[in-house]
């Protein structure tokens, strides 16, 4: 493989690696946000539950 071909391929591979790294950070942040929201919902449900099994 010539140097003219290898250089763009290396640049493309590095760009792909950086993009995947940024994506994983974004997904981790979204997962944390969803987890926090679920915990808040659970806490609110526990605070409002009156012990009656027929309460919606």
N, C-alpha and C. Protein backbone atom coordinates (compact mmCIF):
# COMPACT_ATOMS: atom_id res chain seq x y z
N UNK A 1 0.85 -1.17 0.00
CA UNK A 1 0.00 0.00 0.00
C UNK A 1 0.90 1.23 0.00
N UNK A 2 0.58 2.16 -0.85
CA UNK A 2 1.42 3.35 -0.95
C UNK A 2 1.12 4.33 0.19
N UNK A 3 2.05 5.24 0.40
CA UNK A 3 1.91 6.24 1.45
C UNK A 3 0.71 7.16 1.17
N UNK A 4 0.43 7.41 -0.12
CA UNK A 4 -0.71 8.25 -0.47
C UNK A 4 -2.03 7.61 -0.07
N UNK A 5 -2.10 6.31 -0.07
CA UNK A 5 -3.31 5.59 0.30
C UNK A 5 -3.40 5.39 1.82
N UNK A 6 -2.27 5.14 2.45
CA UNK A 6 -2.27 4.84 3.88
C UNK A 6 -2.62 6.04 4.73
N UNK A 7 -2.16 7.22 4.39
CA UNK A 7 -2.39 8.41 5.20
C UNK A 7 -3.88 8.73 5.36
N UNK A 8 -4.68 8.77 4.29
CA UNK A 8 -6.11 9.03 4.48
C UNK A 8 -6.82 7.92 5.26
N UNK A 9 -6.38 6.69 5.07
CA UNK A 9 -7.00 5.59 5.82
C UNK A 9 -6.71 5.70 7.31
N UNK A 10 -5.50 6.07 7.66
CA UNK A 10 -5.15 6.26 9.08
C UNK A 10 -5.96 7.41 9.66
N UNK A 11 -6.08 8.50 8.93
CA UNK A 11 -6.86 9.65 9.39
C UNK A 11 -8.32 9.26 9.58
N UNK A 12 -8.87 8.50 8.67
CA UNK A 12 -10.25 8.05 8.78
C UNK A 12 -10.44 7.13 9.98
N UNK A 13 -9.50 6.24 10.23
CA UNK A 13 -9.58 5.35 11.38
C UNK A 13 -9.52 6.14 12.69
N UNK A 14 -8.65 7.14 12.76
CA UNK A 14 -8.56 7.96 13.97
C UNK A 14 -9.85 8.75 14.19
N UNK A 15 -10.41 9.29 13.12
CA UNK A 15 -11.67 10.03 13.24
C UNK A 15 -12.79 9.11 13.74
N UNK A 16 -12.83 7.91 13.23
CA UNK A 16 -13.84 6.94 13.68
C UNK A 16 -13.67 6.58 15.15
N UNK A 17 -12.43 6.42 15.59
CA UNK A 17 -12.18 6.08 16.99
C UNK A 17 -12.61 7.21 17.91
N UNK A 18 -12.31 8.43 17.52
CA UNK A 18 -12.70 9.59 18.33
C UNK A 18 -14.22 9.72 18.38
N UNK A 19 -14.87 9.49 17.26
CA UNK A 19 -16.34 9.58 17.21
C UNK A 19 -16.97 8.52 18.11
N UNK A 20 -16.46 7.32 18.09
CA UNK A 20 -17.01 6.26 18.94
C UNK A 20 -16.77 6.58 20.41
N UNK A 21 -15.63 7.16 20.73
CA UNK A 21 -15.35 7.54 22.11
C UNK A 21 -16.32 8.58 22.61
N UNK A 22 -16.62 9.57 21.79
CA UNK A 22 -17.58 10.61 22.16
C UNK A 22 -18.98 10.03 22.30
N UNK A 23 -19.32 9.11 21.45
CA UNK A 23 -20.64 8.48 21.51
C UNK A 23 -20.82 7.70 22.80
N UNK A 24 -19.80 6.98 23.21
CA UNK A 24 -19.93 6.19 24.44
C UNK A 24 -20.09 7.09 25.65
N UNK A 25 -19.43 8.25 25.66
CA UNK A 25 -19.60 9.18 26.77
C UNK A 25 -21.03 9.73 26.79
N UNK A 26 -21.58 10.00 25.63
CA UNK A 26 -22.94 10.51 25.54
C UNK A 26 -23.93 9.46 26.02
N UNK A 27 -23.74 8.22 25.61
CA UNK A 27 -24.64 7.15 26.03
C UNK A 27 -24.53 6.90 27.53
N UNK A 28 -23.33 6.98 28.08
CA UNK A 28 -23.17 6.81 29.52
C UNK A 28 -23.89 7.91 30.28
N UNK A 29 -23.80 9.13 29.78
CA UNK A 29 -24.50 10.25 30.41
C UNK A 29 -26.01 10.09 30.33
N UNK A 30 -26.49 9.63 29.18
CA UNK A 30 -27.93 9.42 29.03
C UNK A 30 -28.41 8.31 29.97
N UNK A 31 -27.63 7.27 30.10
CA UNK A 31 -27.98 6.19 31.01
C UNK A 31 -28.05 6.67 32.45
N UNK A 32 -27.13 7.52 32.84
CA UNK A 32 -27.14 8.07 34.20
C UNK A 32 -28.37 8.96 34.41
N UNK A 33 -28.71 9.76 33.42
CA UNK A 33 -29.90 10.62 33.51
C UNK A 33 -31.17 9.78 33.67
N UNK A 34 -31.27 8.72 32.89
CA UNK A 34 -32.45 7.85 32.96
C UNK A 34 -32.51 7.17 34.32
N UNK A 35 -31.37 6.73 34.82
CA UNK A 35 -31.33 6.08 36.14
C UNK A 35 -31.77 7.06 37.23
N UNK A 36 -31.28 8.29 37.16
CA UNK A 36 -31.66 9.30 38.15
C UNK A 36 -33.16 9.60 38.10
N UNK A 37 -33.72 9.69 36.89
CA UNK A 37 -35.15 9.94 36.75
C UNK A 37 -35.96 8.79 37.34
N UNK A 38 -35.52 7.57 37.10
CA UNK A 38 -36.20 6.40 37.66
C UNK A 38 -36.17 6.39 39.17
N UNK A 39 -35.05 6.78 39.75
CA UNK A 39 -34.95 6.84 41.21
C UNK A 39 -35.89 7.90 41.78
N UNK A 40 -36.00 9.04 41.10
CA UNK A 40 -36.92 10.10 41.56
C UNK A 40 -38.37 9.64 41.48
N UNK A 41 -38.72 8.93 40.41
CA UNK A 41 -40.08 8.41 40.27
C UNK A 41 -40.38 7.42 41.37
N UNK A 42 -39.43 6.53 41.64
CA UNK A 42 -39.61 5.54 42.69
C UNK A 42 -39.77 6.20 44.05
N UNK A 43 -38.96 7.21 44.32
CA UNK A 43 -39.03 7.92 45.59
C UNK A 43 -40.38 8.62 45.76
N UNK A 44 -40.86 9.26 44.70
CA UNK A 44 -42.16 9.93 44.74
C UNK A 44 -43.28 8.92 44.95
N UNK A 45 -43.19 7.78 44.28
CA UNK A 45 -44.21 6.74 44.44
C UNK A 45 -44.23 6.22 45.88
N UNK A 46 -43.07 6.05 46.47
CA UNK A 46 -43.01 5.58 47.86
C UNK A 46 -43.55 6.62 48.82
N UNK A 47 -43.34 7.89 48.54
CA UNK A 47 -43.83 8.95 49.42
C UNK A 47 -45.35 9.09 49.35
N UNK A 48 -45.93 8.83 48.19
CA UNK A 48 -47.38 9.03 48.01
C UNK A 48 -48.20 7.77 48.26
N UNK A 49 -47.57 6.63 48.39
CA UNK A 49 -48.30 5.38 48.59
C UNK A 49 -48.88 5.36 50.01
N UNK A 50 -50.19 5.14 50.11
CA UNK A 50 -50.85 5.17 51.42
C UNK A 50 -51.06 3.79 52.03
N UNK A 51 -50.52 2.76 51.41
CA UNK A 51 -50.64 1.41 51.96
C UNK A 51 -51.87 0.67 51.48
N UNK A 52 -52.78 1.33 50.79
CA UNK A 52 -53.98 0.70 50.27
C UNK A 52 -53.66 0.04 48.94
N UNK A 53 -53.81 -1.28 48.82
CA UNK A 53 -53.47 -1.96 47.56
C UNK A 53 -54.38 -1.57 46.40
N UNK A 54 -55.54 -0.96 46.69
CA UNK A 54 -56.47 -0.57 45.62
C UNK A 54 -56.18 0.84 45.10
N UNK A 55 -55.24 1.55 45.72
CA UNK A 55 -54.90 2.88 45.25
C UNK A 55 -54.08 2.75 43.98
N UNK A 56 -54.47 3.49 42.93
CA UNK A 56 -53.71 3.40 41.67
C UNK A 56 -52.32 3.98 41.79
